[in-house]
Amino acid sequence: MAKDVIKETATRLINRAGRSPYLFVGSGFSRRYMGTDDWEGLLRHLCSRLSDDPFRFDAYLARCGGMSPLPPCWTGT
């Protein structure tokens, strides 16, 4: 019964939003098997959708001290 309520609630919220959800599964699953962006790529993509400024993400990154918002082990640096 609880699964049905969760499913119905999720379906209702997705339908109410009027747009498709973005699937982002952790642990590299979506990147490996579906070819989606990594975390930084996803953030860059979202910034490009929200702003016409091609350097918006870099501006946010600079406000954080110029460091990647991700731990070095995630970025390969």
Protein backbone atom coordinates (compact mmCIF):
# COMPACT_ATOMS: atom_id res chain seq x y z
CA MET A 1 0.00 0.00 0.00
CA ALA A 2 2.76 2.48 0.88
CA LYS A 3 4.48 1.79 -2.46
CA ASP A 4 1.27 2.66 -4.29
CA VAL A 5 0.99 5.96 -2.41
CA ILE A 6 4.62 6.82 -3.24
CA LYS A 7 4.14 5.90 -6.89
CA GLU A 8 0.91 7.91 -7.17
CA THR A 9 2.46 10.92 -5.43
CA ALA A 10 5.57 10.85 -7.62
CA THR A 11 3.46 10.50 -10.78
CA ARG A 12 1.20 13.38 -9.73
CA LEU A 13 4.18 15.67 -8.97
CA ILE A 14 5.94 14.87 -12.25
CA ASN A 15 2.74 15.44 -14.24
CA ARG A 16 2.05 18.70 -12.40
CA ALA A 17 5.56 20.01 -13.22
CA GLY A 18 4.79 19.87 -16.93
CA ARG A 19 8.29 18.70 -17.89
CA SER A 20 10.31 15.52 -17.78
CA PRO A 21 12.51 14.75 -14.80
CA TYR A 22 16.30 14.56 -15.25
CA LEU A 23 17.67 11.18 -14.27
CA PHE A 24 20.94 11.47 -12.36
CA VAL A 25 21.89 8.26 -10.60
CA GLY A 26 24.96 8.46 -8.37
CA SER A 27 28.09 6.29 -8.44
CA GLY A 28 28.71 6.98 -12.13
CA PHE A 29 25.85 4.74 -13.26
CA SER A 30 24.14 7.27 -15.52
CA ARG A 31 27.43 8.47 -16.97
CA ARG A 32 28.76 4.98 -17.69
CA TYR A 33 25.65 3.37 -19.09
CA MET A 34 23.68 6.31 -20.46
CA GLY A 35 26.41 8.75 -21.50
CA THR A 36 25.15 11.58 -19.30
CA ASP A 37 27.29 14.36 -17.85
CA ASP A 38 29.40 14.05 -14.74
CA TRP A 39 28.48 16.27 -11.77
CA GLU A 40 30.41 19.31 -13.00
CA GLY A 41 29.06 18.82 -16.52
CA LEU A 42 25.51 18.70 -15.14
CA LEU A 43 26.07 21.93 -13.20
CA ARG A 44 27.52 23.61 -16.31
CA HIS A 45 24.54 22.44 -18.36
CA LEU A 46 22.04 23.76 -15.81
CA CYS A 47 23.83 27.11 -15.68
CA SER A 48 23.69 27.35 -19.47
CA ARG A 49 19.93 26.68 -19.38
CA LEU A 50 19.36 29.36 -16.73
CA SER A 51 21.60 32.08 -18.15
CA ASP A 52 22.70 33.37 -21.56
CA ASP A 53 26.11 34.15 -20.06
CA PRO A 54 28.48 31.38 -21.27
CA PHE A 55 30.77 32.07 -18.30
CA ARG A 56 28.08 31.92 -15.57
CA PHE A 57 29.34 28.62 -14.12
CA ASP A 58 32.94 29.89 -14.14
CA ALA A 59 31.79 33.04 -12.34
CA TYR A 60 30.16 30.92 -9.63
CA LEU A 61 33.29 28.80 -9.44
CA ALA A 62 35.45 31.92 -9.02
CA ARG A 63 33.21 33.11 -6.17
CA CYS A 64 34.07 29.84 -4.43
CA GLY A 65 37.76 30.68 -4.56
CA GLY A 66 38.40 29.23 -8.00
CA MET A 67 38.32 25.72 -6.66
CA SER A 68 36.15 22.99 -8.05
CA PRO A 69 33.06 22.41 -5.90
CA LEU A 70 33.89 18.72 -6.11
CA PRO A 71 36.47 16.77 -4.12
CA PRO A 72 39.69 16.04 -6.10
CA CYS A 73 38.93 12.32 -6.13
CA TRP A 74 35.74 13.05 -8.12
CA THR A 75 37.34 15.34 -10.69
CA GLY A 76 40.47 13.30 -11.35
CA THR A 77 42.78 16.12 -10.20
